[in-house]
């Protein structure tokens, strides 16, 4: 008995790959924008406000990264 594989051309064509690339670039841009907003919002807080919520200024980048990418 012979096995045959059938592939649809929709998922493997150049157009599909370009569309996927564009979607990934848009998603990366949106994530980077969200990181920037989160980072700047935390950076604009005073030291006292950061202390009240238990955040050290040196941890802002890590917190923004976890908020967006994890």
Protein backbone atom coordinates (compact mmCIF):
# COMPACT_ATOMS: atom_id res chain seq x y z
CA UNK A 1 0.00 0.00 0.00
CA UNK A 2 1.37 3.40 -0.95
CA UNK A 3 1.00 6.50 1.18
CA UNK A 4 0.34 9.82 -0.43
CA UNK A 5 0.61 13.23 1.12
CA UNK A 6 -1.63 16.04 0.05
CA UNK A 7 -0.61 19.61 0.74
CA UNK A 8 -2.63 22.70 0.23
CA UNK A 9 -0.75 25.44 -1.52
CA UNK A 10 -2.28 28.10 0.73
CA UNK A 11 0.14 27.56 3.62
CA UNK A 12 3.38 27.18 1.70
CA UNK A 13 3.29 29.88 -0.93
CA UNK A 14 5.25 33.08 -1.06
CA UNK A 15 2.13 35.13 -0.32
CA UNK A 16 1.42 33.16 2.84
CA UNK A 17 5.01 33.54 4.04
CA UNK A 18 4.99 37.29 3.39
CA UNK A 19 1.64 37.63 5.16
CA UNK A 20 3.01 35.71 8.15
CA UNK A 21 6.13 37.88 8.21
CA UNK A 22 4.07 41.07 8.16
CA UNK A 23 1.87 39.77 10.98
CA UNK A 24 4.94 38.93 13.08
CA UNK A 25 6.47 42.35 12.49
CA UNK A 26 3.21 44.05 13.49
CA UNK A 27 3.00 41.92 16.63
CA UNK A 28 6.62 42.68 17.56
CA UNK A 29 5.99 46.40 17.04
CA UNK A 30 2.87 46.29 19.24
CA UNK A 31 4.73 44.41 21.99
CA UNK A 32 7.61 46.88 21.87
CA UNK A 33 5.17 49.79 22.11
CA UNK A 34 3.50 48.17 25.14
CA UNK A 35 6.92 47.66 26.75
CA UNK A 36 7.73 51.34 26.18
CA UNK A 37 4.45 52.48 27.70
CA UNK A 38 4.85 50.25 30.75
CA UNK A 39 8.48 51.24 31.24
CA UNK A 40 7.81 54.97 30.98
CA UNK A 41 4.79 54.80 33.30
CA UNK A 42 6.85 53.08 35.98
CA UNK A 43 9.85 55.35 35.36
CA UNK A 44 7.65 58.43 35.87
CA UNK A 45 6.67 57.34 39.39
CA UNK A 46 8.51 58.92 42.29
CA UNK A 47 10.82 56.89 44.49
CA UNK A 48 8.23 57.03 47.27
CA UNK A 49 5.45 55.72 44.99
CA UNK A 50 7.70 52.92 43.80
CA UNK A 51 8.59 52.07 47.40
CA UNK A 52 4.88 51.98 48.30
CA UNK A 53 4.22 49.32 45.65
CA UNK A 54 7.43 47.43 46.40
CA UNK A 55 9.39 48.15 43.24
CA UNK A 56 13.01 49.22 43.09
CA UNK A 57 13.92 51.60 40.29
CA UNK A 58 16.58 49.18 39.02
CA UNK A 59 13.87 46.51 38.52
CA UNK A 60 11.63 48.58 36.23
CA UNK A 61 13.04 47.17 33.00
CA UNK A 62 12.65 43.58 34.20
CA UNK A 63 9.09 44.19 35.38
CA UNK A 64 8.10 45.83 32.09
CA UNK A 65 9.65 42.94 30.15
CA UNK A 66 7.80 40.31 32.20
CA UNK A 67 4.55 42.26 31.87
CA UNK A 68 4.75 42.29 28.08
CA UNK A 69 6.63 39.19 26.98
CA UNK A 70 5.80 36.57 29.63
